[in-house]
Amino acid sequence: MGVSSTFNTAILFGRGPGESYKDKKLSQLYGNYTVNIEELWVDYEITQESSNRTDTRWVRLSSTSDPDISLRAHFGEQEGFGFCATHHQVNDVDKARHPFELKKSKKDWVILRLDTNHHGLGTAS
C-alpha cells in the first residue's frame, strides 16, 4: 500500500537493526528498533530487493513532525511476519541495474508491504 511520506520513521519489535529475510535472519537479533524509512533501504551495487524485516511482532510508522499520528500493525507471536517500507516500487527495482538509476524513480510516498510469508534470497528461494 502507498502511504504519505509524513510517515518517515519505523518503530518495530522484531529482528534488526539490519534487513532480514527468511533465509538470512539469524544475524539480526530481536529487539526494539527505531529507523528512518530512508535508512531501511540498502543500495546494493547491483540493484535488488532490499529493506525487508522478518520475524516482526509489531511495527509502527510515525511522523517526526507529529508523533501522535501513526500507522500500526501487530502480528502477534507467530514467526515469519514481516514488513518493508521504502520509496521504491518493485517494478522500478527490477528495471534499475545500479543505485543511481533507482534514485531517478524514487517515489514521494512510502510503499508499505506487510507480509505473512516472504521468499528468501538464496538459491532455494
PDB file of N, CA and C in Angstrom:
ATOM      1  N   MET A   1       0.844  -1.176   0.000  1.00  0.00           N
ATOM      2  CA  MET A   1       0.000   0.000   0.000  1.00  0.00           C
ATOM      3  C   MET A   1       0.886   1.235   0.000  1.00  0.00           C
ATOM      4  N   GLY A   2       0.381   2.304  -0.534  1.00  0.00           N
ATOM      5  CA  GLY A   2       1.095   3.565  -0.512  1.00  0.00           C
ATOM      6  C   GLY A   2       0.587   4.424   0.637  1.00  0.00           C
ATOM      7  N   VAL A   3       1.499   4.996   1.394  1.00  0.00           N
ATOM      8  CA  VAL A   3       1.129   5.884   2.494  1.00  0.00           C
ATOM      9  C   VAL A   3       1.917   7.187   2.375  1.00  0.00           C
ATOM     10  N   SER A   4       1.449   8.193   3.028  1.00  0.00           N
ATOM     11  CA  SER A   4       2.064   9.516   2.975  1.00  0.00           C
ATOM     12  C   SER A   4       3.517   9.482   3.447  1.00  0.00           C
ATOM     13  N   SER A   5       4.355  10.293   2.824  1.00  0.00           N
ATOM     14  CA  SER A   5       5.752  10.396   3.248  1.00  0.00           C
ATOM     15  C   SER A   5       5.881  11.079   4.603  1.00  0.00           C
ATOM     16  N   THR A   6       4.747  11.563   5.148  1.00  0.00           N
ATOM     17  CA  THR A   6       4.730  12.082   6.521  1.00  0.00           C
ATOM     18  C   THR A   6       5.201  11.000   7.480  1.00  0.00           C
ATOM     19  N   PHE A   7       4.884   9.748   7.150  1.00  0.00           N
ATOM     20  CA  PHE A   7       5.311   8.611   7.976  1.00  0.00           C
ATOM     21  C   PHE A   7       6.746   8.263   7.597  1.00  0.00           C
ATOM     22  N   ASN A   8       7.701   8.917   8.264  1.00  0.00           N
ATOM     23  CA  ASN A   8       9.096   8.794   7.872  1.00  0.00           C
ATOM     24  C   ASN A   8       9.951   7.975   8.835  1.00  0.00           C
ATOM     25  N   THR A   9       9.333   7.413   9.863  1.00  0.00           N
ATOM     26  CA  THR A   9      10.065   6.639  10.855  1.00  0.00           C
ATOM     27  C   THR A   9       9.359   5.311  11.114  1.00  0.00           C
ATOM     28  N   ALA A  10      10.142   4.229  11.158  1.00  0.00           N
ATOM     29  CA  ALA A  10       9.612   2.907  11.509  1.00  0.00           C
ATOM     30  C   ALA A  10      10.095   2.556  12.911  1.00  0.00           C
ATOM     31  N   ILE A  11       9.149   2.214  13.770  1.00  0.00           N
ATOM     32  CA  ILE A  11       9.451   1.759  15.121  1.00  0.00           C
ATOM     33  C   ILE A  11       8.940   0.325  15.177  1.00  0.00           C
ATOM     34  N   LEU A  12       9.788  -0.606  15.566  1.00  0.00           N
ATOM     35  CA  LEU A  12       9.383  -2.010  15.485  1.00  0.00           C
ATOM     36  C   LEU A  12       9.962  -2.842  16.608  1.00  0.00           C
ATOM     37  N   PHE A  13       9.315  -3.978  16.828  1.00  0.00           N
ATOM     38  CA  PHE A  13       9.901  -5.039  17.643  1.00  0.00           C
ATOM     39  C   PHE A  13      10.010  -6.237  16.727  1.00  0.00           C
ATOM     40  N   GLY A  14      11.223  -6.669  16.528  1.00  0.00           N
ATOM     41  CA  GLY A  14      11.479  -7.804  15.641  1.00  0.00           C
ATOM     42  C   GLY A  14      12.966  -7.934  15.427  1.00  0.00           C
ATOM     43  N   ARG A  15      13.341  -8.597  14.353  1.00  0.00           N
ATOM     44  CA  ARG A  15      14.757  -8.762  14.046  1.00  0.00           C
ATOM     45  C   ARG A  15      15.313  -7.480  13.456  1.00  0.00           C
ATOM     46  N   GLY A  16      16.495  -7.112  13.898  1.00  0.00           N
ATOM     47  CA  GLY A  16      17.115  -5.909  13.389  1.00  0.00           C
ATOM     48  C   GLY A  16      18.502  -5.739  13.972  1.00  0.00           C
ATOM     49  N   PRO A  17      19.124  -4.631  13.761  1.00  0.00           N
ATOM     50  CA  PRO A  17      18.578  -3.468  13.094  1.00  0.00           C
ATOM     51  C   PRO A  17      18.616  -3.564  11.567  1.00  0.00           C
ATOM     52  N   GLY A  18      19.423  -4.462  11.027  1.00  0.00           N
ATOM     53  CA  GLY A  18      19.551  -4.579   9.573  1.00  0.00           C
ATOM     54  C   GLY A  18      18.428  -5.364   8.948  1.00  0.00           C
ATOM     55  N   GLU A  19      18.450  -5.420   7.611  1.00  0.00           N
ATOM     56  CA  GLU A  19      17.409  -6.150   6.900  1.00  0.00           C
ATOM     57  C   GLU A  19      17.514  -7.637   7.187  1.00  0.00           C
ATOM     58  N   SER A  20      16.385  -8.342   7.037  1.00  0.00           N
ATOM     59  CA  SER A  20      16.383  -9.787   7.255  1.00  0.00           C
ATOM     60  C   SER A  20      15.299 -10.430   6.402  1.00  0.00           C
ATOM     61  N   TYR A  21      15.617 -11.623   5.963  1.00  0.00           N
ATOM     62  CA  TYR A  21      14.719 -12.428   5.153  1.00  0.00           C
ATOM     63  C   TYR A  21      14.673 -13.824   5.754  1.00  0.00           C
ATOM     64  N   LYS A  22      13.728 -14.623   5.321  1.00  0.00           N
ATOM     65  CA  LYS A  22      13.517 -15.971   5.837  1.00  0.00           C
ATOM     66  C   LYS A  22      14.824 -16.777   5.933  1.00  0.00           C
ATOM     67  N   ASP A  23      15.666 -16.689   4.910  1.00  0.00           N
ATOM     68  CA  ASP A  23      16.904 -17.458   4.879  1.00  0.00           C
ATOM     69  C   ASP A  23      18.143 -16.621   5.220  1.00  0.00           C
ATOM     70  N   LYS A  24      17.935 -15.417   5.713  1.00  0.00           N
ATOM     71  CA  LYS A  24      19.043 -14.523   6.069  1.00  0.00           C
ATOM     72  C   LYS A  24      18.602 -13.674   7.250  1.00  0.00           C
ATOM     73  N   LYS A  25      18.401 -14.331   8.394  1.00  0.00           N
ATOM     74  CA  LYS A  25      17.847 -13.586   9.523  1.00  0.00           C
ATOM     75  C   LYS A  25      18.580 -13.797  10.837  1.00  0.00           C
ATOM     76  N   LEU A  26      19.351 -14.852  10.962  1.00  0.00           N
ATOM     77  CA  LEU A  26      19.924 -15.177  12.258  1.00  0.00           C
ATOM     78  C   LEU A  26      20.987 -14.185  12.716  1.00  0.00           C
ATOM     79  N   SER A  27      21.517 -13.381  11.814  1.00  0.00           N
ATOM     80  CA  SER A  27      22.485 -12.358  12.211  1.00  0.00           C
ATOM     81  C   SER A  27      21.802 -11.138  12.826  1.00  0.00           C
ATOM     82  N   GLN A  28      20.486 -11.076  12.728  1.00  0.00           N
ATOM     83  CA  GLN A  28      19.726  -9.941  13.265  1.00  0.00           C
ATOM     84  C   GLN A  28      19.011 -10.384  14.543  1.00  0.00           C
ATOM     85  N   LEU A  29      19.223  -9.654  15.607  1.00  0.00           N
ATOM     86  CA  LEU A  29      18.671 -10.018  16.906  1.00  0.00           C
ATOM     87  C   LEU A  29      17.316  -9.366  17.141  1.00  0.00           C
ATOM     88  N   TYR A  30      16.479 -10.028  17.958  1.00  0.00           N
ATOM     89  CA  TYR A  30      15.201  -9.437  18.353  1.00  0.00           C
ATOM     90  C   TYR A  30      15.451  -8.231  19.242  1.00  0.00           C
ATOM     91  N   GLY A  31      14.671  -7.193  19.007  1.00  0.00           N
ATOM     92  CA  GLY A  31      14.784  -6.012  19.834  1.00  0.00           C
ATOM     93  C   GLY A  31      13.830  -4.938  19.377  1.00  0.00           C
ATOM     94  N   ASN A  32      13.834  -3.830  20.083  1.00  0.00           N
ATOM     95  CA  ASN A  32      13.074  -2.643  19.695  1.00  0.00           C
ATOM     96  C   ASN A  32      14.001  -1.748  18.894  1.00  0.00           C
ATOM     97  N   TYR A  33      13.547  -1.331  17.733  1.00  0.00           N
ATOM     98  CA  TYR A  33      14.368  -0.504  16.851  1.00  0.00           C
ATOM     99  C   TYR A  33      13.560   0.674  16.330  1.00  0.00           C
ATOM    100  N   THR A  34      14.227   1.802  16.175  1.00  0.00           N
ATOM    101  CA  THR A  34      13.648   2.990  15.554  1.00  0.00           C
ATOM    102  C   THR A  34      14.562   3.371  14.404  1.00  0.00           C
ATOM    103  N   VAL A  35      13.998   3.376  13.195  1.00  0.00           N
ATOM    104  CA  VAL A  35      14.807   3.609  11.993  1.00  0.00           C
ATOM    105  C   VAL A  35      14.068   4.554  11.060  1.00  0.00           C
ATOM    106  N   ASN A  36      14.787   5.500  10.492  1.00  0.00           N
ATOM    107  CA  ASN A  36      14.230   6.362   9.462  1.00  0.00           C
ATOM    108  C   ASN A  36      13.943   5.506   8.223  1.00  0.00           C
ATOM    109  N   ILE A  37      12.815   5.722   7.563  1.00  0.00           N
ATOM    110  CA  ILE A  37      12.427   4.934   6.385  1.00  0.00           C
ATOM    111  C   ILE A  37      13.555   4.920   5.348  1.00  0.00           C
ATOM    112  N   GLU A  38      14.205   6.053   5.149  1.00  0.00           N
ATOM    113  CA  GLU A  38      15.308   6.146   4.180  1.00  0.00           C
ATOM    114  C   GLU A  38      16.426   5.166   4.529  1.00  0.00           C
ATOM    115  N   GLU A  39      16.667   4.956   5.823  1.00  0.00           N
ATOM    116  CA  GLU A  39      17.769   4.113   6.276  1.00  0.00           C
ATOM    117  C   GLU A  39      17.457   2.624   6.205  1.00  0.00           C
ATOM    118  N   LEU A  40      16.202   2.258   5.974  1.00  0.00           N
ATOM    119  CA  LEU A  40      15.853   0.845   5.842  1.00  0.00           C
ATOM    120  C   LEU A  40      16.411   0.254   4.547  1.00  0.00           C
ATOM    121  N   TRP A  41      16.504   1.086   3.506  1.00  0.00           N
ATOM    122  CA  TRP A  41      16.925   0.627   2.185  1.00  0.00           C
ATOM    123  C   TRP A  41      18.440   0.442   2.130  1.00  0.00           C
ATOM    124  N   VAL A  42      18.888  -0.636   1.467  1.00  0.00           N
ATOM    125  CA  VAL A  42      20.306  -0.892   1.243  1.00  0.00           C
ATOM    126  C   VAL A  42      20.575  -0.746  -0.253  1.00  0.00           C
ATOM    127  N   ASP A  43      21.494   0.138  -0.617  1.00  0.00           N
ATOM    128  CA  ASP A  43      21.874   0.318  -2.022  1.00  0.00           C
ATOM    129  C   ASP A  43      22.950  -0.699  -2.386  1.00  0.00           C
ATOM    130  N   TYR A  44      22.518  -1.835  -2.919  1.00  0.00           N
ATOM    131  CA  TYR A  44      23.484  -2.826  -3.385  1.00  0.00           C
ATOM    132  C   TYR A  44      24.075  -2.369  -4.711  1.00  0.00           C
ATOM    133  N   GLU A  45      25.291  -2.816  -5.010  1.00  0.00           N
ATOM    134  CA  GLU A  45      25.961  -2.410  -6.244  1.00  0.00           C
ATOM    135  C   GLU A  45      25.111  -2.725  -7.466  1.00  0.00           C
ATOM    136  N   ILE A  46      24.504  -3.904  -7.461  1.00  0.00           N
ATOM    137  CA  ILE A  46      23.526  -4.259  -8.491  1.00  0.00           C
ATOM    138  C   ILE A  46      22.172  -4.239  -7.795  1.00  0.00           C
ATOM    139  N   THR A  47      21.289  -3.367  -8.238  1.00  0.00           N
ATOM    140  CA  THR A  47      20.020  -3.125  -7.566  1.00  0.00           C
ATOM    141  C   THR A  47      19.202  -4.404  -7.433  1.00  0.00           C
ATOM    142  N   GLN A  48      18.652  -4.604  -6.238  1.00  0.00           N
ATOM    143  CA  GLN A  48      17.855  -5.788  -5.941  1.00  0.00           C
ATOM    144  C   GLN A  48      16.943  -5.510  -4.753  1.00  0.00           C
ATOM    145  N   GLU A  49      16.071  -6.456  -4.469  1.00  0.00           N
ATOM    146  CA  GLU A  49      15.183  -6.398  -3.307  1.00  0.00           C
ATOM    147  C   GLU A  49      15.979  -5.965  -2.083  1.00  0.00           C
ATOM    148  N   SER A  50      15.358  -5.147  -1.243  1.00  0.00           N
ATOM    149  CA  SER A  50      16.042  -4.656  -0.048  1.00  0.00           C
ATOM    150  C   SER A  50      15.025  -4.186   0.986  1.00  0.00           C
ATOM    151  N   SER A  51      15.470  -4.027   2.190  1.00  0.00           N
ATOM    152  CA  SER A  51      14.800  -3.381   3.325  1.00  0.00           C
ATOM    153  C   SER A  51      13.767  -4.223   4.063  1.00  0.00           C
ATOM    154  N   ASN A  52      13.618  -5.485   3.753  1.00  0.00           N
ATOM    155  CA  ASN A  52      12.654  -6.326   4.465  1.00  0.00           C
ATOM    156  C   ASN A  52      13.096  -6.555   5.912  1.00  0.00           C
ATOM    157  N   ARG A  53      12.156  -6.664   6.800  1.00  0.00           N
ATOM    158  CA  ARG A  53      12.396  -7.041   8.198  1.00  0.00           C
ATOM    159  C   ARG A  53      11.462  -8.205   8.491  1.00  0.00           C
ATOM    160  N   THR A  54      12.032  -9.373   8.766  1.00  0.00           N
ATOM    161  CA  THR A  54      11.220 -10.560   9.028  1.00  0.00           C
ATOM    162  C   THR A  54      11.134 -10.823  10.531  1.00  0.00           C
ATOM    163  N   ASP A  55      10.249 -11.738  10.907  1.00  0.00           N
ATOM    164  CA  ASP A  55      10.006 -12.065  12.314  1.00  0.00           C
ATOM    165  C   ASP A  55       9.695 -10.808  13.124  1.00  0.00           C
ATOM    166  N   THR A  56       8.838  -9.977  12.570  1.00  0.00           N
ATOM    167  CA  THR A  56       8.411  -8.742  13.221  1.00  0.00           C
ATOM    168  C   THR A  56       7.150  -9.020  14.039  1.00  0.00           C
ATOM    169  N   ARG A  57       7.143  -8.610  15.282  1.00  0.00           N
ATOM    170  CA  ARG A  57       5.960  -8.776  16.133  1.00  0.00           C
ATOM    171  C   ARG A  57       4.987  -7.614  15.921  1.00  0.00           C
ATOM    172  N   TRP A  58       5.544  -6.405  15.791  1.00  0.00           N
ATOM    173  CA  TRP A  58       4.723  -5.229  15.512  1.00  0.00           C
ATOM    174  C   TRP A  58       5.594  -4.152  14.873  1.00  0.00           C
ATOM    175  N   VAL A  59       4.942  -3.303  14.121  1.00  0.00           N
ATOM    176  CA  VAL A  59       5.621  -2.164  13.509  1.00  0.00           C
ATOM    177  C   VAL A  59       4.693  -0.958  13.562  1.00  0.00           C
ATOM    178  N   ARG A  60       5.281   0.196  13.753  1.00  0.00           N
ATOM    179  CA  ARG A  60       4.515   1.441  13.757  1.00  0.00           C
ATOM    180  C   ARG A  60       5.262   2.445  12.885  1.00  0.00           C
ATOM    181  N   LEU A  61       4.569   3.018  11.918  1.00  0.00           N
ATOM    182  CA  LEU A  61       5.132   4.099  11.126  1.00  0.00           C
ATOM    183  C   LEU A  61       4.656   5.393  11.755  1.00  0.00           C
ATOM    184  N   SER A  62       5.589   6.276  12.053  1.00  0.00           N
ATOM    185  CA  SER A  62       5.206   7.534  12.694  1.00  0.00           C
ATOM    186  C   SER A  62       5.863   8.709  11.985  1.00  0.00           C
ATOM    187  N   SER A  63       5.418   9.874  12.379  1.00  0.00           N
ATOM    188  CA  SER A  63       5.892  11.120  11.805  1.00  0.00           C
ATOM    189  C   SER A  63       6.734  11.861  12.835  1.00  0.00           C
ATOM    190  N   THR A  64       7.916  12.322  12.436  1.00  0.00           N
ATOM    191  CA  THR A  64       8.724  13.096  13.378  1.00  0.00           C
ATOM    192  C   THR A  64       8.108  14.465  13.632  1.00  0.00           C
ATOM    193  N   SER A  65       7.317  14.964  12.676  1.00  0.00           N
ATOM    194  CA  SER A  65       6.695  16.274  12.870  1.00  0.00           C
ATOM    195  C   SER A  65       5.478  16.205  13.781  1.00  0.00           C
ATOM    196  N   ASP A  66       4.799  15.050  13.842  1.00  0.00           N
ATOM    197  CA  ASP A  66       3.643  14.894  14.717  1.00  0.00           C
ATOM    198  C   ASP A  66       3.596  13.444  15.214  1.00  0.00           C
ATOM    199  N   PRO A  67       4.315  13.127  16.307  1.00  0.00           N
ATOM    200  CA  PRO A  67       4.411  11.758  16.815  1.00  0.00           C
ATOM    201  C   PRO A  67       3.080  11.137  17.240  1.00  0.00           C
ATOM    202  N   ASP A  68       2.032  11.959  17.384  1.00  0.00           N
ATOM    203  CA  ASP A  68       0.724  11.422  17.767  1.00  0.00           C
ATOM    204  C   ASP A  68       0.027  10.740  16.603  1.00  0.00           C
ATOM    205  N   ILE A  69       0.502  10.987  15.387  1.00  0.00           N
ATOM    206  CA  ILE A  69      -0.096  10.357  14.199  1.00  0.00           C
ATOM    207  C   ILE A  69       0.773   9.163  13.809  1.00  0.00           C
ATOM    208  N   SER A  70       0.156   7.982  13.707  1.00  0.00           N
ATOM    209  CA  SER A  70       0.935   6.804  13.335  1.00  0.00           C
ATOM    210  C   SER A  70       0.039   5.736  12.718  1.00  0.00           C
ATOM    211  N   LEU A  71       0.678   4.809  12.021  1.00  0.00           N
ATOM    212  CA  LEU A  71       0.036   3.602  11.489  1.00  0.00           C
ATOM    213  C   LEU A  71       0.653   2.422  12.217  1.00  0.00           C
ATOM    214  N   ARG A  72      -0.177   1.481  12.649  1.00  0.00           N
ATOM    215  CA  ARG A  72       0.339   0.352  13.428  1.00  0.00           C
ATOM    216  C   ARG A  72      -0.135  -0.978  12.857  1.00  0.00           C
ATOM    217  N   ALA A  73       0.741  -1.955  12.918  1.00  0.00           N
ATOM    218  CA  ALA A  73       0.390  -3.333  12.550  1.00  0.00           C
ATOM    219  C   ALA A  73       0.959  -4.253  13.620  1.00  0.00           C
ATOM    220  N   HIS A  74       0.111  -5.113  14.153  1.00  0.00           N
ATOM    221  CA  HIS A  74       0.529  -6.082  15.168  1.00  0.00           C
ATOM    222  C   HIS A  74       0.370  -7.481  14.583  1.00  0.00           C
ATOM    223  N   PHE A  75       1.432  -8.272  14.652  1.00  0.00           N
ATOM    224  CA  PHE A  75       1.415  -9.613  14.069  1.00  0.00           C
ATOM    225  C   PHE A  75       1.350 -10.707  15.125  1.00  0.00           C
ATOM    226  N   GLY A  76       1.387 -10.373  16.391  1.00  0.00           N
ATOM    227  CA  GLY A  76       1.341 -11.375  17.440  1.00  0.00           C
ATOM    228  C   GLY A  76       2.667 -12.099  17.568  1.00  0.00           C
ATOM    229  N   GLU A  77       2.612 -13.329  18.075  1.00  0.00           N
ATOM    230  CA  GLU A  77       3.841 -14.079  18.337  1.00  0.00           C
ATOM    231  C   GLU A  77       4.186 -15.076  17.247  1.00  0.00           C
ATOM    232  N   GLN A  78       3.438 -15.106  16.162  1.00  0.00           N
ATOM    233  CA  GLN A  78       3.759 -16.027  15.077  1.00  0.00           C
ATOM    234  C   GLN A  78       5.017 -15.557  14.360  1.00  0.00           C
ATOM    235  N   GLU A  79       5.910 -16.495  14.077  1.00  0.00           N
ATOM    236  CA  GLU A  79       7.135 -16.143  13.363  1.00  0.00           C
ATOM    237  C   GLU A  79       6.861 -16.000  11.872  1.00  0.00           C
ATOM    238  N   GLY A  80       7.716 -15.250  11.223  1.00  0.00           N
ATOM    239  CA  GLY A  80       7.647 -15.137   9.778  1.00  0.00           C
ATOM    240  C   GLY A  80       7.011 -13.866   9.266  1.00  0.00           C
ATOM    241  N   PHE A  81       6.194 -13.197  10.079  1.00  0.00           N
ATOM    242  CA  PHE A  81       5.584 -11.955   9.615  1.00  0.00           C
ATOM    243  C   PHE A  81       6.672 -10.915   9.422  1.00  0.00           C
ATOM    244  N   GLY A  82       6.465 -10.065   8.446  1.00  0.00           N
ATOM    245  CA  GLY A  82       7.469  -9.049   8.197  1.00  0.00           C
ATOM    246  C   GLY A  82       6.882  -7.840   7.504  1.00  0.00           C
ATOM    247  N   PHE A  83       7.733  -6.860   7.285  1.00  0.00           N
ATOM    248  CA  PHE A  83       7.308  -5.660   6.593  1.00  0.00           C
ATOM    249  C   PHE A  83       8.473  -5.084   5.806  1.00  0.00           C
ATOM    250  N   CYS A  84       8.126  -4.251   4.865  1.00  0.00           N
ATOM    251  CA  CYS A  84       9.082  -3.492   4.083  1.00  0.00           C
ATOM    252  C   CYS A  84       8.482  -2.101   3.906  1.00  0.00           C
ATOM    253  N   ALA A  85       9.255  -1.082   4.175  1.00  0.00           N
ATOM    254  CA  ALA A  85       8.819   0.292   3.957  1.00  0.00           C
ATOM    255  C   ALA A  85       9.917   0.984   3.160  1.00  0.00           C
ATOM    256  N   THR A  86       9.558   1.487   1.995  1.00  0.00           N
ATOM    257  CA  THR A  86      10.549   2.036   1.081  1.00  0.00           C
ATOM    258  C   THR A  86       9.917   3.098   0.180  1.00  0.00           C
ATOM    259  N   HIS A  87      10.741   3.781  -0.562  1.00  0.00           N
ATOM    260  CA  HIS A  87      10.270   4.750  -1.555  1.00  0.00           C
ATOM    261  C   HIS A  87      10.430   4.188  -2.973  1.00  0.00           C
ATOM    262  N   HIS A  88      10.673   2.879  -3.085  1.00  0.00           N
ATOM    263  CA  HIS A  88      10.922   2.255  -4.383  1.00  0.00           C
ATOM    264  C   HIS A  88       9.898   1.164  -4.671  1.00  0.00           C
ATOM    265  N   GLN A  89       9.237   1.260  -5.820  1.00  0.00           N
ATOM    266  CA  GLN A  89       8.292   0.220  -6.220  1.00  0.00           C
ATOM    267  C   GLN A  89       9.051  -0.966  -6.819  1.00  0.00           C
ATOM    268  N   VAL A  90       8.477  -2.153  -6.699  1.00  0.00           N
ATOM    269  CA  VAL A  90       9.111  -3.378  -7.167  1.00  0.00           C
ATOM    270  C   VAL A  90       9.496  -3.284  -8.645  1.00  0.00           C
ATOM    271  N   ASN A  91       8.610  -2.767  -9.478  1.00  0.00           N
ATOM    272  CA  ASN A  91       8.911  -2.656 -10.913  1.00  0.00           C
ATOM    273  C   ASN A  91      10.121  -1.770 -11.171  1.00  0.00           C
ATOM    274  N   ASP A  92      10.248  -0.685 -10.406  1.00  0.00           N
ATOM    275  CA  ASP A  92      11.397   0.203 -10.561  1.00  0.00           C
ATOM    276  C   ASP A  92      12.691  -0.481 -10.131  1.00  0.00           C
ATOM    277  N   VAL A  93      12.617  -1.268  -9.075  1.00  0.00           N
ATOM    278  CA  VAL A  93      13.788  -2.023  -8.612  1.00  0.00           C
ATOM    279  C   VAL A  93      14.204  -3.024  -9.682  1.00  0.00           C
ATOM    280  N   ASP A  94      13.228  -3.712 -10.273  1.00  0.00           N
ATOM    281  CA  ASP A  94      13.531  -4.700 -11.307  1.00  0.00           C
ATOM    282  C   ASP A  94      14.161  -4.074 -12.549  1.00  0.00           C
ATOM    283  N   LYS A  95      13.751  -2.866 -12.898  1.00  0.00           N
ATOM    284  CA  LYS A  95      14.273  -2.194 -14.099  1.00  0.00           C
ATOM    285  C   LYS A  95      15.676  -1.640 -13.895  1.00  0.00           C
ATOM    286  N   ALA A  96      15.955  -1.134 -12.701  1.00  0.00           N
ATOM    287  CA  ALA A  96      17.247  -0.492 -12.435  1.00  0.00           C
ATOM    288  C   ALA A  96      18.346  -1.540 -12.309  1.00  0.00           C
ATOM    289  N   ARG A  97      19.516  -1.204 -12.800  1.00  0.00           N
ATOM    290  CA  ARG A  97      20.667  -2.103 -12.683  1.00  0.00           C
ATOM    291  C   ARG A  97      21.669  -1.604 -11.643  1.00  0.00           C
ATOM    292  N   HIS A  98      21.608  -0.286 -11.359  1.00  0.00           N
ATOM    293  CA  HIS A  98      22.534   0.319 -10.408  1.00  0.00           C
ATOM    294  C   HIS A  98      21.781   1.349  -9.565  1.00  0.00           C
ATOM    295  N   PRO A  99      22.277   1.643  -8.365  1.00  0.00           N
ATOM    296  CA  PRO A  99      21.571   2.559  -7.468  1.00  0.00           C
ATOM    297  C   PRO A  99      21.252   3.922  -8.068  1.00  0.00           C
ATOM    298  N   PHE A 100      22.138   4.482  -8.886  1.00  0.00           N
ATOM    299  CA  PHE A 100      21.856   5.813  -9.441  1.00  0.00           C
ATOM    300  C   PHE A 100      20.624   5.785 -10.338  1.00  0.00           C
ATOM    301  N   GLU A 101      20.358   4.656 -10.997  1.00  0.00           N
ATOM    302  CA  GLU A 101      19.157   4.532 -11.832  1.00  0.00           C
ATOM    303  C   GLU A 101      17.906   4.481 -10.964  1.00  0.00           C
ATOM    304  N   LEU A 102      17.998   3.820  -9.840  1.00  0.00           N
ATOM    305  CA  LEU A 102      16.854   3.695  -8.937  1.00  0.00           C
ATOM    306  C   LEU A 102      16.502   5.036  -8.288  1.00  0.00           C
ATOM    307  N   LYS A 103      17.490   5.843  -8.005  1.00  0.00           N
ATOM    308  CA  LYS A 103      17.242   7.151  -7.384  1.00  0.00           C
ATOM    309  C   LYS A 103      16.349   8.024  -8.264  1.00  0.00           C
ATOM    310  N   LYS A 104      16.424   7.851  -9.573  1.00  0.00           N
ATOM    311  CA  LYS A 104      15.606   8.642 -10.505  1.00  0.00           C
ATOM    312  C   LYS A 104      14.116   8.321 -10.374  1.00  0.00           C
ATOM    313  N   SER A 105      13.790   7.111  -9.935  1.00  0.00           N
ATOM    314  CA  SER A 105      12.383   6.701  -9.848  1.00  0.00           C
ATOM    315  C   SER A 105      11.859   6.668  -8.417  1.00  0.00           C
ATOM    316  N   LYS A 106      12.599   7.257  -7.489  1.00  0.00           N
ATOM    317  CA  LYS A 106      12.183   7.301  -6.080  1.00  0.00           C
ATOM    318  C   LYS A 106      10.833   8.003  -5.967  1.00  0.00           C
ATOM    319  N   LYS A 107       9.928   7.422  -5.215  1.00  0.00           N
ATOM    320  CA  LYS A 107       8.582   7.961  -5.039  1.00  0.00           C
ATOM    321  C   LYS A 107       8.528   8.969  -3.894  1.00  0.00           C
ATOM    322  N   ASP A 108       7.548   9.865  -3.964  1.00  0.00           N
ATOM    323  CA  ASP A 108       7.338  10.857  -2.915  1.00  0.00           C
ATOM    324  C   ASP A 108       6.553  10.294  -1.738  1.00  0.00           C
ATOM    325  N   TRP A 109       6.081   9.084  -1.868  1.00  0.00           N
ATOM    326  CA  TRP A 109       5.315   8.439  -0.804  1.00  0.00           C
ATOM    327  C   TRP A 109       6.061   7.193  -0.351  1.00  0.00           C
ATOM    328  N   VAL A 110       5.554   6.559   0.699  1.00  0.00           N
ATOM    329  CA  VAL A 110       6.150   5.337   1.241  1.00  0.00           C
ATOM    330  C   VAL A 110       5.342   4.149   0.746  1.00  0.00           C
ATOM    331  N   ILE A 111       6.036   3.156   0.209  1.00  0.00           N
ATOM    332  CA  ILE A 111       5.406   1.906  -0.178  1.00  0.00           C
ATOM    333  C   ILE A 111       5.571   0.970   1.018  1.00  0.00           C
ATOM    334  N   LEU A 112       4.457   0.573   1.615  1.00  0.00           N
ATOM    335  CA  LEU A 112       4.461  -0.286   2.797  1.00  0.00           C
ATOM    336  C   LEU A 112       3.922  -1.648   2.407  1.00  0.00           C
ATOM    337  N   ARG A 113       4.713  -2.667   2.690  1.00  0.00           N
ATOM    338  CA  ARG A 113       4.296  -4.039   2.416  1.00  0.00           C
ATOM    339  C   ARG A 113       4.290  -4.795   3.737  1.00  0.00           C
ATOM    340  N   LEU A 114       3.160  -5.441   4.036  1.00  0.00           N
ATOM    341  CA  LEU A 114       3.032  -6.286   5.215  1.00  0.00           C
ATOM    342  C   LEU A 114       2.890  -7.718   4.725  1.00  0.00           C
ATOM    343  N   ASP A 115       3.751  -8.608   5.198  1.00  0.00           N
ATOM    344  CA  ASP A 115       3.787  -9.979   4.686  1.00  0.00           C
ATOM    345  C   ASP A 115       3.587 -11.012   5.776  1.00  0.00           C
ATOM    346  N   THR A 116       2.819 -12.037   5.460  1.00  0.00           N
ATOM    347  CA  THR A 116       2.723 -13.186   6.354  1.00  0.00           C
ATOM    348  C   THR A 116       3.805 -14.196   6.019  1.00  0.00           C
ATOM    349  N   ASN A 117       4.333 -14.116   4.814  1.00  0.00           N
ATOM    350  CA  ASN A 117       5.398 -15.012   4.370  1.00  0.00           C
ATOM    351  C   ASN A 117       6.109 -14.332   3.214  1.00  0.00           C
ATOM    352  N   HIS A 118       7.399 -14.525   3.133  1.00  0.00           N
ATOM    353  CA  HIS A 118       8.185 -13.874   2.089  1.00  0.00           C
ATOM    354  C   HIS A 118       9.277 -14.847   1.664  1.00  0.00           C
ATOM    355  N   HIS A 119       9.494 -14.976   0.362  1.00  0.00           N
ATOM    356  CA  HIS A 119      10.565 -15.853  -0.107  1.00  0.00           C
ATOM    357  C   HIS A 119      11.905 -15.381   0.416  1.00  0.00           C
ATOM    358  N   GLY A 120      12.805 -16.337   0.558  1.00  0.00           N
ATOM    359  CA  GLY A 120      14.172 -15.999   0.944  1.00  0.00           C
ATOM    360  C   GLY A 120      14.933 -15.442  -0.243  1.00  0.00           C
ATOM    361  N   LEU A 121      16.199 -15.149  -0.033  1.00  0.00           N
ATOM    362  CA  LEU A 121      17.027 -14.567  -1.075  1.00  0.00           C
ATOM    363  C   LEU A 121      17.939 -15.589  -1.744  1.00  0.00           C
ATOM    364  N   GLY A 122      18.263 -16.673  -1.054  1.00  0.00           N
ATOM    365  CA  GLY A 122      19.234 -17.638  -1.566  1.00  0.00           C
ATOM    366  C   GLY A 122      18.723 -18.458  -2.733  1.00  0.00           C
ATOM    367  N   THR A 123      19.531 -19.414  -3.152  1.00  0.00           N
ATOM    368  CA  THR A 123      19.203 -20.216  -4.337  1.00  0.00           C
ATOM    369  C   THR A 123      17.980 -21.107  -4.129  1.00  0.00           C
ATOM    370  N   ALA A 124      17.599 -21.373  -2.894  1.00  0.00           N
ATOM    371  CA  ALA A 124      16.417 -22.207  -2.640  1.00  0.00           C
ATOM    372  C   ALA A 124      15.125 -21.399  -2.657  1.00  0.00           C
ATOM    373  N   SER A 125      15.225 -20.085  -2.898  1.00  0.00           N
ATOM    374  CA  SER A 125      14.017 -19.253  -2.846  1.00  0.00           C
ATOM    375  C   SER A 125      13.135 -19.513  -4.054  1.00  0.00           C
TER     376      SER A 125
END
